[in-house]
Amino acid sequence: FADMAMYPHVFQTEDYEHAGQPHEMQGKWHDFFKNDAPITLELGCG
């Protein structure tokens, strides 16, 4: 967990009590990747 807290490409949240509110990354993933390329999710990625 300490390692991942330092990784710039890992986003962690336990803000479940605000589950209905948009996260700060919503709509900004292409800005993070610095491109407009397609985005694929692996859900339950293990």
ModelCIF file with pLDDT and N, C-alpha, C, O atoms, coordinates in Angstrom:
data_MODEL
#
_entry.id   MODEL 
#
_entity.id                         1 
_entity.type                       polymer 
_entity.pdbx_number_of_molecules   1 
#
_entity_poly.entity_id                      1 
_entity_poly.type                           'polypeptide(L)' 
_entity_poly.nstd_linkage                   no 
_entity_poly.nstd_monomer                   no 
_entity_poly.pdbx_seq_one_letter_code       FADMAMYPHVFQTEDYEHAGQPHEMQGKWHDFFKNDAPITLELGCG 
_entity_poly.pdbx_seq_one_letter_code_can   FADMAMYPHVFQTEDYEHAGQPHEMQGKWHDFFKNDAPITLELGCG 
_entity_poly.pdbx_strand_id                 A 
#
loop_
_entity_poly_seq.entity_id 
_entity_poly_seq.num 
_entity_poly_seq.mon_id 
_entity_poly_seq.hetero 
1 1  PHE n 
1 2  ALA n 
1 3  ASP n 
1 4  MET n 
1 5  ALA n 
1 6  MET n 
1 7  TYR n 
1 8  PRO n 
1 9  HIS n 
1 10 VAL n 
1 11 PHE n 
1 12 GLN n 
1 13 THR n 
1 14 GLU n 
1 15 ASP n 
1 16 TYR n 
1 17 GLU n 
1 18 HIS n 
1 19 ALA n 
1 20 GLY n 
1 21 GLN n 
1 22 PRO n 
1 23 HIS n 
1 24 GLU n 
1 25 MET n 
1 26 GLN n 
1 27 GLY n 
1 28 LYS n 
1 29 TRP n 
1 30 HIS n 
1 31 ASP n 
1 32 PHE n 
1 33 PHE n 
1 34 LYS n 
1 35 ASN n 
1 36 ASP n 
1 37 ALA n 
1 38 PRO n 
1 39 ILE n 
1 40 THR n 
1 41 LEU n 
1 42 GLU n 
1 43 LEU n 
1 44 GLY n 
1 45 CYS n 
1 46 GLY n 
#
_struct_asym.id          A 
_struct_asym.entity_id   1 
#
loop_
_ma_qa_metric.id 
_ma_qa_metric.mode 
_ma_qa_metric.name 
_ma_qa_metric.software_group_id 
_ma_qa_metric.type 
1 global pLDDT . pLDDT 
2 local  pLDDT . pLDDT 
#
_ma_qa_metric_global.metric_id      1 
_ma_qa_metric_global.metric_value   90.33 
_ma_qa_metric_global.model_id       1 
_ma_qa_metric_global.ordinal_id     1 
#
loop_
_ma_qa_metric_local.label_asym_id 
_ma_qa_metric_local.label_comp_id 
_ma_qa_metric_local.label_seq_id 
_ma_qa_metric_local.metric_id 
_ma_qa_metric_local.metric_value 
_ma_qa_metric_local.model_id 
_ma_qa_metric_local.ordinal_id 
A PHE 1  2 90.00 1 1  
A ALA 2  2 92.00 1 2  
A ASP 3  2 94.00 1 3  
A MET 4  2 93.00 1 4  
A ALA 5  2 94.00 1 5  
A MET 6  2 96.00 1 6  
A TYR 7  2 97.00 1 7  
A PRO 8  2 97.00 1 8  
A HIS 9  2 98.00 1 9  
A VAL 10 2 97.00 1 10 
A PHE 11 2 95.00 1 11 
A GLN 12 2 89.00 1 12 
A THR 13 2 82.00 1 13 
A GLU 14 2 68.00 1 14 
A ASP 15 2 60.00 1 15 
A TYR 16 2 57.00 1 16 
A GLU 17 2 54.00 1 17 
A HIS 18 2 64.00 1 18 
A ALA 19 2 65.00 1 19 
A GLY 20 2 73.00 1 20 
A GLN 21 2 85.00 1 21 
A PRO 22 2 90.00 1 22 
A HIS 23 2 91.00 1 23 
A GLU 24 2 92.00 1 24 
A MET 25 2 95.00 1 25 
A GLN 26 2 96.00 1 26 
A GLY 27 2 98.00 1 27 
A LYS 28 2 98.00 1 28 
A TRP 29 2 98.00 1 29 
A HIS 30 2 98.00 1 30 
A ASP 31 2 98.00 1 31 
A PHE 32 2 98.00 1 32 
A PHE 33 2 98.00 1 33 
A LYS 34 2 98.00 1 34 
A ASN 35 2 98.00 1 35 
A ASP 36 2 98.00 1 36 
A ALA 37 2 98.00 1 37 
A PRO 38 2 98.00 1 38 
A ILE 39 2 98.00 1 39 
A THR 40 2 98.00 1 40 
A LEU 41 2 98.00 1 41 
A GLU 42 2 98.00 1 42 
A LEU 43 2 98.00 1 43 
A GLY 44 2 95.00 1 44 
A CYS 45 2 96.00 1 45 
A GLY 46 2 94.00 1 46 
#
loop_
_atom_site.group_PDB 
_atom_site.id 
_atom_site.type_symbol 
_atom_site.label_atom_id 
_atom_site.label_alt_id 
_atom_site.label_comp_id 
_atom_site.label_asym_id 
_atom_site.label_entity_id 
_atom_site.label_seq_id 
_atom_site.pdbx_PDB_ins_code 
_atom_site.Cartn_x 
_atom_site.Cartn_y 
_atom_site.Cartn_z 
_atom_site.occupancy 
_atom_site.B_iso_or_equiv 
_atom_site.pdbx_formal_charge 
_atom_site.auth_seq_id 
_atom_site.auth_comp_id 
_atom_site.auth_asym_id 
_atom_site.auth_atom_id 
_atom_site.pdbx_PDB_model_num 
ATOM 1   N N  . PHE A 1 1  ? 0.828   -1.201 0.000   1.00 90.00 ? 1  PHE A N  1 
ATOM 2   C CA . PHE A 1 1  ? 0.000   0.000  0.000   1.00 90.00 ? 1  PHE A CA 1 
ATOM 3   C C  . PHE A 1 1  ? 0.864   1.254  0.000   1.00 90.00 ? 1  PHE A C  1 
ATOM 4   O O  . PHE A 1 1  ? 0.528   2.245  -0.648  1.00 90.00 ? 1  PHE A O  1 
ATOM 5   N N  . ALA A 1 2  ? 1.983   1.209  0.732   1.00 92.00 ? 2  ALA A N  1 
ATOM 6   C CA . ALA A 1 2  ? 2.900   2.350  0.770   1.00 92.00 ? 2  ALA A CA 1 
ATOM 7   C C  . ALA A 1 2  ? 3.522   2.585  -0.597  1.00 92.00 ? 2  ALA A C  1 
ATOM 8   O O  . ALA A 1 2  ? 3.688   3.729  -1.020  1.00 92.00 ? 2  ALA A O  1 
ATOM 9   N N  . ASP A 1 3  ? 3.868   1.501  -1.288  1.00 94.00 ? 3  ASP A N  1 
ATOM 10  C CA . ASP A 1 3  ? 4.404   1.630  -2.645  1.00 94.00 ? 3  ASP A CA 1 
ATOM 11  C C  . ASP A 1 3  ? 3.390   2.311  -3.548  1.00 94.00 ? 3  ASP A C  1 
ATOM 12  O O  . ASP A 1 3  ? 3.713   3.275  -4.242  1.00 94.00 ? 3  ASP A O  1 
ATOM 13  N N  . MET A 1 4  ? 2.159   1.804  -3.536  1.00 93.00 ? 4  MET A N  1 
ATOM 14  C CA . MET A 1 4  ? 1.154   2.309  -4.468  1.00 93.00 ? 4  MET A CA 1 
ATOM 15  C C  . MET A 1 4  ? 0.777   3.757  -4.184  1.00 93.00 ? 4  MET A C  1 
ATOM 16  O O  . MET A 1 4  ? 0.389   4.493  -5.090  1.00 93.00 ? 4  MET A O  1 
ATOM 17  N N  . ALA A 1 5  ? 0.894   4.159  -2.927  1.00 94.00 ? 5  ALA A N  1 
ATOM 18  C CA . ALA A 1 5  ? 0.606   5.549  -2.591  1.00 94.00 ? 5  ALA A CA 1 
ATOM 19  C C  . ALA A 1 5  ? 1.583   6.499  -3.271  1.00 94.00 ? 5  ALA A C  1 
ATOM 20  O O  . ALA A 1 5  ? 1.296   7.686  -3.423  1.00 94.00 ? 5  ALA A O  1 
ATOM 21  N N  . MET A 1 6  ? 2.737   5.977  -3.680  1.00 96.00 ? 6  MET A N  1 
ATOM 22  C CA . MET A 1 6  ? 3.766   6.792  -4.338  1.00 96.00 ? 6  MET A CA 1 
ATOM 23  C C  . MET A 1 6  ? 3.704   6.688  -5.860  1.00 96.00 ? 6  MET A C  1 
ATOM 24  O O  . MET A 1 6  ? 4.368   7.453  -6.560  1.00 96.00 ? 6  MET A O  1 
ATOM 25  N N  . TYR A 1 7  ? 2.912   5.746  -6.376  1.00 97.00 ? 7  TYR A N  1 
ATOM 26  C CA . TYR A 1 7  ? 2.853   5.566  -7.825  1.00 97.00 ? 7  TYR A CA 1 
ATOM 27  C C  . TYR A 1 7  ? 1.928   6.626  -8.428  1.00 97.00 ? 7  TYR A C  1 
ATOM 28  O O  . TYR A 1 7  ? 0.787   6.766  -7.986  1.00 97.00 ? 7  TYR A O  1 
ATOM 29  N N  . PRO A 1 8  ? 2.397   7.367  -9.420  1.00 97.00 ? 8  PRO A N  1 
ATOM 30  C CA . PRO A 1 8  ? 1.551   8.427  -9.997  1.00 97.00 ? 8  PRO A CA 1 
ATOM 31  C C  . PRO A 1 8  ? 0.401   7.910  -10.846 1.00 97.00 ? 8  PRO A C  1 
ATOM 32  O O  . PRO A 1 8  ? -0.523  8.660  -11.159 1.00 97.00 ? 8  PRO A O  1 
ATOM 33  N N  . HIS A 1 9  ? 0.447   6.641  -11.220 1.00 98.00 ? 9  HIS A N  1 
ATOM 34  C CA . HIS A 1 9  ? -0.607  6.091  -12.088 1.00 98.00 ? 9  HIS A CA 1 
ATOM 35  C C  . HIS A 1 9  ? -1.598  5.230  -11.313 1.00 98.00 ? 9  HIS A C  1 
ATOM 36  O O  . HIS A 1 9  ? -2.400  4.521  -11.921 1.00 98.00 ? 9  HIS A O  1 
ATOM 37  N N  . VAL A 1 10 ? -1.559  5.277  -9.984  1.00 97.00 ? 10 VAL A N  1 
ATOM 38  C CA . VAL A 1 10 ? -2.497  4.526  -9.155  1.00 97.00 ? 10 VAL A CA 1 
ATOM 39  C C  . VAL A 1 10 ? -3.378  5.508  -8.389  1.00 97.00 ? 10 VAL A C  1 
ATOM 40  O O  . VAL A 1 10 ? -2.885  6.425  -7.733  1.00 97.00 ? 10 VAL A O  1 
ATOM 41  N N  . PHE A 1 11 ? -4.692  5.298  -8.486  1.00 95.00 ? 11 PHE A N  1 
ATOM 42  C CA . PHE A 1 11 ? -5.659  6.159  -7.820  1.00 95.00 ? 11 PHE A CA 1 
ATOM 43  C C  . PHE A 1 11 ? -6.429  5.310  -6.816  1.00 95.00 ? 11 PHE A C  1 
ATOM 44  O O  . PHE A 1 11 ? -7.053  4.312  -7.179  1.00 95.00 ? 11 PHE A O  1 
ATOM 45  N N  . GLN A 1 12 ? -6.378  5.714  -5.560  1.00 89.00 ? 12 GLN A N  1 
ATOM 46  C CA . GLN A 1 12 ? -7.025  4.949  -4.503  1.00 89.00 ? 12 GLN A CA 1 
ATOM 47  C C  . GLN A 1 12 ? -8.051  5.819  -3.790  1.00 89.00 ? 12 GLN A C  1 
ATOM 48  O O  . GLN A 1 12 ? -7.829  7.010  -3.569  1.00 89.00 ? 12 GLN A O  1 
ATOM 49  N N  . THR A 1 13 ? -9.171  5.211  -3.435  1.00 82.00 ? 13 THR A N  1 
ATOM 50  C CA . THR A 1 13 ? -10.196 5.954  -2.725  1.00 82.00 ? 13 THR A CA 1 
ATOM 51  C C  . THR A 1 13 ? -10.945 5.026  -1.787  1.00 82.00 ? 13 THR A C  1 
ATOM 52  O O  . THR A 1 13 ? -11.200 3.867  -2.113  1.00 82.00 ? 13 THR A O  1 
ATOM 53  N N  . GLU A 1 14 ? -11.289 5.538  -0.638  1.00 68.00 ? 14 GLU A N  1 
ATOM 54  C CA . GLU A 1 14 ? -12.179 4.843  0.286   1.00 68.00 ? 14 GLU A CA 1 
ATOM 55  C C  . GLU A 1 14 ? -13.323 5.778  0.663   1.00 68.00 ? 14 GLU A C  1 
ATOM 56  O O  . GLU A 1 14 ? -13.916 5.662  1.735   1.00 68.00 ? 14 GLU A O  1 
ATOM 57  N N  . ASP A 1 15 ? -13.615 6.697  -0.232  1.00 60.00 ? 15 ASP A N  1 
ATOM 58  C CA . ASP A 1 15 ? -14.603 7.747  0.004   1.00 60.00 ? 15 ASP A CA 1 
ATOM 59  C C  . ASP A 1 15 ? -16.004 7.229  -0.311  1.00 60.00 ? 15 ASP A C  1 
ATOM 60  O O  . ASP A 1 15 ? -16.748 7.856  -1.065  1.00 60.00 ? 15 ASP A O  1 
ATOM 61  N N  . TYR A 1 16 ? -16.361 6.078  0.272   1.00 57.00 ? 16 TYR A N  1 
ATOM 62  C CA . TYR A 1 16 ? -17.602 5.433  -0.112  1.00 57.00 ? 16 TYR A CA 1 
ATOM 63  C C  . TYR A 1 16 ? -18.849 6.162  0.384   1.00 57.00 ? 16 TYR A C  1 
ATOM 64  O O  . TYR A 1 16 ? -19.929 5.999  -0.183  1.00 57.00 ? 16 TYR A O  1 
ATOM 65  N N  . GLU A 1 17 ? -18.706 6.958  1.433   1.00 54.00 ? 17 GLU A N  1 
ATOM 66  C CA . GLU A 1 17 ? -19.883 7.652  1.929   1.00 54.00 ? 17 GLU A CA 1 
ATOM 67  C C  . GLU A 1 17 ? -20.361 8.719  0.960   1.00 54.00 ? 17 GLU A C  1 
ATOM 68  O O  . GLU A 1 17 ? -21.480 9.215  1.092   1.00 54.00 ? 17 GLU A O  1 
ATOM 69  N N  . HIS A 1 18 ? -19.527 9.083  -0.017  1.00 64.00 ? 18 HIS A N  1 
ATOM 70  C CA . HIS A 1 18 ? -19.910 10.048 -1.041  1.00 64.00 ? 18 HIS A CA 1 
ATOM 71  C C  . HIS A 1 18 ? -20.042 9.345  -2.397  1.00 64.00 ? 18 HIS A C  1 
ATOM 72  O O  . HIS A 1 18 ? -19.687 9.895  -3.440  1.00 64.00 ? 18 HIS A O  1 
ATOM 73  N N  . ALA A 1 19 ? -20.563 8.112  -2.351  1.00 65.00 ? 19 ALA A N  1 
ATOM 74  C CA . ALA A 1 19 ? -20.603 7.279  -3.551  1.00 65.00 ? 19 ALA A CA 1 
ATOM 75  C C  . ALA A 1 19 ? -21.385 7.912  -4.689  1.00 65.00 ? 19 ALA A C  1 
ATOM 76  O O  . ALA A 1 19 ? -21.135 7.593  -5.851  1.00 65.00 ? 19 ALA A O  1 
ATOM 77  N N  . GLY A 1 20 ? -22.326 8.800  -4.388  1.00 73.00 ? 20 GLY A N  1 
ATOM 78  C CA . GLY A 1 20 ? -23.129 9.403  -5.446  1.00 73.00 ? 20 GLY A CA 1 
ATOM 79  C C  . GLY A 1 20 ? -22.518 10.626 -6.080  1.00 73.00 ? 20 GLY A C  1 
ATOM 80  O O  . GLY A 1 20 ? -23.067 11.164 -7.041  1.00 73.00 ? 20 GLY A O  1 
ATOM 81  N N  . GLN A 1 21 ? -21.393 11.079 -5.563  1.00 85.00 ? 21 GLN A N  1 
ATOM 82  C CA . GLN A 1 21 ? -20.767 12.296 -6.070  1.00 85.00 ? 21 GLN A CA 1 
ATOM 83  C C  . GLN A 1 21 ? -19.656 11.958 -7.066  1.00 85.00 ? 21 GLN A C  1 
ATOM 84  O O  . GLN A 1 21 ? -18.952 10.966 -6.879  1.00 85.00 ? 21 GLN A O  1 
ATOM 85  N N  . PRO A 1 22 ? -19.484 12.757 -8.117  1.00 90.00 ? 22 PRO A N  1 
ATOM 86  C CA . PRO A 1 22 ? -18.409 12.508 -9.088  1.00 90.00 ? 22 PRO A CA 1 
ATOM 87  C C  . PRO A 1 22 ? -17.030 12.578 -8.428  1.00 90.00 ? 22 PRO A C  1 
ATOM 88  O O  . PRO A 1 22 ? -16.775 13.438 -7.585  1.00 90.00 ? 22 PRO A O  1 
ATOM 89  N N  . HIS A 1 23 ? -16.169 11.682 -8.818  1.00 91.00 ? 23 HIS A N  1 
ATOM 90  C CA . HIS A 1 23 ? -14.780 11.712 -8.365  1.00 91.00 ? 23 HIS A CA 1 
ATOM 91  C C  . HIS A 1 23 ? -14.012 12.742 -9.176  1.00 91.00 ? 23 HIS A C  1 
ATOM 92  O O  . HIS A 1 23 ? -14.412 13.085 -10.289 1.00 91.00 ? 23 HIS A O  1 
ATOM 93  N N  . GLU A 1 24 ? -12.913 13.236 -8.626  1.00 92.00 ? 24 GLU A N  1 
ATOM 94  C CA . GLU A 1 24 ? -12.145 14.283 -9.305  1.00 92.00 ? 24 GLU A CA 1 
ATOM 95  C C  . GLU A 1 24 ? -11.579 13.839 -10.640 1.00 92.00 ? 24 GLU A C  1 
ATOM 96  O O  . GLU A 1 24 ? -11.250 14.682 -11.474 1.00 92.00 ? 24 GLU A O  1 
ATOM 97  N N  . MET A 1 25 ? -11.456 12.521 -10.870 1.00 95.00 ? 25 MET A N  1 
ATOM 98  C CA . MET A 1 25 ? -10.922 12.040 -12.148 1.00 95.00 ? 25 MET A CA 1 
ATOM 99  C C  . MET A 1 25 ? -11.998 11.871 -13.217 1.00 95.00 ? 25 MET A C  1 
ATOM 100 O O  . MET A 1 25 ? -11.679 11.636 -14.383 1.00 95.00 ? 25 MET A O  1 
ATOM 101 N N  . GLN A 1 26 ? -13.247 11.987 -12.839 1.00 96.00 ? 26 GLN A N  1 
ATOM 102 C CA . GLN A 1 26 ? -14.322 11.799 -13.824 1.00 96.00 ? 26 GLN A CA 1 
ATOM 103 C C  . GLN A 1 26 ? -14.178 12.819 -14.951 1.00 96.00 ? 26 GLN A C  1 
ATOM 104 O O  . GLN A 1 26 ? -14.142 14.026 -14.712 1.00 96.00 ? 26 GLN A O  1 
ATOM 105 N N  . GLY A 1 27 ? -14.096 12.312 -16.184 1.00 98.00 ? 27 GLY A N  1 
ATOM 106 C CA . GLY A 1 27 ? -13.961 13.176 -17.348 1.00 98.00 ? 27 GLY A CA 1 
ATOM 107 C C  . GLY A 1 27 ? -12.557 13.688 -17.599 1.00 98.00 ? 27 GLY A C  1 
ATOM 108 O O  . GLY A 1 27 ? -12.351 14.487 -18.513 1.00 98.00 ? 27 GLY A O  1 
ATOM 109 N N  . LYS A 1 28 ? -11.573 13.244 -16.802 1.00 98.00 ? 28 LYS A N  1 
ATOM 110 C CA . LYS A 1 28 ? -10.212 13.779 -16.920 1.00 98.00 ? 28 LYS A CA 1 
ATOM 111 C C  . LYS A 1 28 ? -9.172  12.707 -17.241 1.00 98.00 ? 28 LYS A C  1 
ATOM 112 O O  . LYS A 1 28 ? -7.971  12.964 -17.154 1.00 98.00 ? 28 LYS A O  1 
ATOM 113 N N  . TRP A 1 29 ? -9.621  11.522 -17.606 1.00 98.00 ? 29 TRP A N  1 
ATOM 114 C CA . TRP A 1 29 ? -8.662  10.449 -17.858 1.00 98.00 ? 29 TRP A CA 1 
ATOM 115 C C  . TRP A 1 29 ? -7.815  10.708 -19.096 1.00 98.00 ? 29 TRP A C  1 
ATOM 116 O O  . TRP A 1 29 ? -6.635  10.359 -19.115 1.00 98.00 ? 29 TRP A O  1 
ATOM 117 N N  . HIS A 1 30 ? -8.389  11.307 -20.121 1.00 98.00 ? 30 HIS A N  1 
ATOM 118 C CA . HIS A 1 30 ? -7.582  11.618 -21.301 1.00 98.00 ? 30 HIS A CA 1 
ATOM 119 C C  . HIS A 1 30 ? -6.537  12.689 -20.977 1.00 98.00 ? 30 HIS A C  1 
ATOM 120 O O  . HIS A 1 30 ? -5.450  12.701 -21.555 1.00 98.00 ? 30 HIS A O  1 
ATOM 121 N N  . ASP A 1 31 ? -6.872  13.574 -20.061 1.00 98.00 ? 31 ASP A N  1 
ATOM 122 C CA . ASP A 1 31 ? -5.876  14.554 -19.619 1.00 98.00 ? 31 ASP A CA 1 
ATOM 123 C C  . ASP A 1 31 ? -4.737  13.848 -18.903 1.00 98.00 ? 31 ASP A C  1 
ATOM 124 O O  . ASP A 1 31 ? -3.570  14.191 -19.096 1.00 98.00 ? 31 ASP A O  1 
ATOM 125 N N  . PHE A 1 32 ? -5.069  12.867 -18.081 1.00 98.00 ? 32 PHE A N  1 
ATOM 126 C CA . PHE A 1 32 ? -4.029  12.125 -17.371 1.00 98.00 ? 32 PHE A CA 1 
ATOM 127 C C  . PHE A 1 32 ? -3.111  11.396 -18.349 1.00 98.00 ? 32 PHE A C  1 
ATOM 128 O O  . PHE A 1 32 ? -1.888  11.441 -18.217 1.00 98.00 ? 32 PHE A O  1 
ATOM 129 N N  . PHE A 1 33 ? -3.719  10.716 -19.341 1.00 98.00 ? 33 PHE A N  1 
ATOM 130 C CA . PHE A 1 33 ? -2.913  9.960  -20.309 1.00 98.00 ? 33 PHE A CA 1 
ATOM 131 C C  . PHE A 1 33 ? -2.246  10.871 -21.343 1.00 98.00 ? 33 PHE A C  1 
ATOM 132 O O  . PHE A 1 33 ? -1.359  10.439 -22.079 1.00 98.00 ? 33 PHE A O  1 
ATOM 133 N N  . LYS A 1 34 ? -2.677  12.126 -21.392 1.00 98.00 ? 34 LYS A N  1 
ATOM 134 C CA . LYS A 1 34 ? -2.125  13.109 -22.335 1.00 98.00 ? 34 LYS A CA 1 
ATOM 135 C C  . LYS A 1 34 ? -2.353  12.703 -23.784 1.00 98.00 ? 34 LYS A C  1 
ATOM 136 O O  . LYS A 1 34 ? -1.493  12.916 -24.638 1.00 98.00 ? 34 LYS A O  1 
ATOM 137 N N  . ASN A 1 35 ? -3.520  12.114 -24.058 1.00 98.00 ? 35 ASN A N  1 
ATOM 138 C CA . ASN A 1 35 ? -3.877  11.768 -25.431 1.00 98.00 ? 35 ASN A CA 1 
ATOM 139 C C  . ASN A 1 35 ? -5.382  11.556 -25.497 1.00 98.00 ? 35 ASN A C  1 
ATOM 140 O O  . ASN A 1 35 ? -6.065  11.564 -24.473 1.00 98.00 ? 35 ASN A O  1 
ATOM 141 N N  . ASP A 1 36 ? -5.894  11.366 -26.705 1.00 98.00 ? 36 ASP A N  1 
ATOM 142 C CA . ASP A 1 36 ? -7.322  11.114 -26.917 1.00 98.00 ? 36 ASP A CA 1 
ATOM 143 C C  . ASP A 1 36 ? -7.575  9.678  -27.350 1.00 98.00 ? 36 ASP A C  1 
ATOM 144 O O  . ASP A 1 36 ? -8.613  9.382  -27.941 1.00 98.00 ? 36 ASP A O  1 
ATOM 145 N N  . ALA A 1 37 ? -6.637  8.787  -27.061 1.00 98.00 ? 37 ALA A N  1 
ATOM 146 C CA . ALA A 1 37 ? -6.755  7.388  -27.473 1.00 98.00 ? 37 ALA A CA 1 
ATOM 147 C C  . ALA A 1 37 ? -7.870  6.682  -26.707 1.00 98.00 ? 37 ALA A C  1 
ATOM 148 O O  . ALA A 1 37 ? -8.243  7.110  -25.615 1.00 98.00 ? 37 ALA A O  1 
ATOM 149 N N  . PRO A 1 38 ? -8.401  5.603  -27.276 1.00 98.00 ? 38 PRO A N  1 
ATOM 150 C CA . PRO A 1 38 ? -9.474  4.860  -26.602 1.00 98.00 ? 38 PRO A CA 1 
ATOM 151 C C  . PRO A 1 38 ? -9.044  4.364  -25.224 1.00 98.00 ? 38 PRO A C  1 
ATOM 152 O O  . PRO A 1 38 ? -7.870  4.082  -24.985 1.00 98.00 ? 38 PRO A O  1 
ATOM 153 N N  . ILE A 1 39 ? -10.022 4.265  -24.324 1.00 98.00 ? 39 ILE A N  1 
ATOM 154 C CA . ILE A 1 39 ? -9.792  3.782  -22.968 1.00 98.00 ? 39 ILE A CA 1 
ATOM 155 C C  . ILE A 1 39 ? -10.528 2.464  -22.766 1.00 98.00 ? 39 ILE A C  1 
ATOM 156 O O  . ILE A 1 39 ? -11.713 2.345  -23.079 1.00 98.00 ? 39 ILE A O  1 
ATOM 157 N N  . THR A 1 40 ? -9.810  1.476  -22.238 1.00 98.00 ? 40 THR A N  1 
ATOM 158 C CA . THR A 1 40 ? -10.374 0.176  -21.911 1.00 98.00 ? 40 THR A CA 1 
ATOM 159 C C  . THR A 1 40 ? -10.222 -0.066 -20.423 1.00 98.00 ? 40 THR A C  1 
ATOM 160 O O  . THR A 1 40 ? -9.164  0.193  -19.850 1.00 98.00 ? 40 THR A O  1 
ATOM 161 N N  . LEU A 1 41 ? -11.298 -0.574 -19.783 1.00 98.00 ? 41 LEU A N  1 
ATOM 162 C CA . LEU A 1 41 ? -11.254 -0.920 -18.368 1.00 98.00 ? 41 LEU A CA 1 
ATOM 163 C C  . LEU A 1 41 ? -11.164 -2.431 -18.201 1.00 98.00 ? 41 LEU A C  1 
ATOM 164 O O  . LEU A 1 41 ? -11.803 -3.186 -18.934 1.00 98.00 ? 41 LEU A O  1 
ATOM 165 N N  . GLU A 1 42 ? -10.362 -2.864 -17.226 1.00 98.00 ? 42 GLU A N  1 
ATOM 166 C CA . GLU A 1 42 ? -10.423 -4.246 -16.753 1.00 98.00 ? 42 GLU A CA 1 
ATOM 167 C C  . GLU A 1 42 ? -11.036 -4.191 -15.360 1.00 98.00 ? 42 GLU A C  1 
ATOM 168 O O  . GLU A 1 42 ? -10.388 -3.735 -14.418 1.00 98.00 ? 42 GLU A O  1 
ATOM 169 N N  . LEU A 1 43 ? -12.264 -4.647 -15.220 1.00 98.00 ? 43 LEU A N  1 
ATOM 170 C CA . LEU A 1 43 ? -12.980 -4.580 -13.950 1.00 98.00 ? 43 LEU A CA 1 
ATOM 171 C C  . LEU A 1 43 ? -12.770 -5.876 -13.176 1.00 98.00 ? 43 LEU A C  1 
ATOM 172 O O  . LEU A 1 43 ? -12.967 -6.967 -13.712 1.00 98.00 ? 43 LEU A O  1 
ATOM 173 N N  . GLY A 1 44 ? -12.370 -5.748 -11.913 1.00 95.00 ? 44 GLY A N  1 
ATOM 174 C CA . GLY A 1 44 ? -11.982 -6.908 -11.135 1.00 95.00 ? 44 GLY A CA 1 
ATOM 175 C C  . GLY A 1 44 ? -10.649 -7.418 -11.646 1.00 95.00 ? 44 GLY A C  1 
ATOM 176 O O  . GLY A 1 44 ? -10.498 -8.603 -11.945 1.00 95.00 ? 44 GLY A O  1 
ATOM 177 N N  . CYS A 1 45 ? -9.678  -6.512 -11.744 1.00 96.00 ? 45 CYS A N  1 
ATOM 178 C CA . CYS A 1 45 ? -8.425  -6.813 -12.463 1.00 96.00 ? 45 CYS A CA 1 
ATOM 179 C C  . CYS A 1 45 ? -7.481  -7.717 -11.696 1.00 96.00 ? 45 CYS A C  1 
ATOM 180 O O  . CYS A 1 45 ? -6.527  -8.227 -12.284 1.00 96.00 ? 45 CYS A O  1 
ATOM 181 N N  . GLY A 1 46 ? -7.710  -7.943 -10.385 1.00 94.00 ? 46 GLY A N  1 
ATOM 182 C CA . GLY A 1 46 ? -6.804  -8.801 -9.632  1.00 94.00 ? 46 GLY A CA 1 
ATOM 183 C C  . GLY A 1 46 ? -5.387  -8.274 -9.669  1.00 94.00 ? 46 GLY A C  1 
ATOM 184 O O  . GLY A 1 46 ? -4.489  -8.878 -9.083  1.00 94.00 ? 46 GLY A O  1 
#
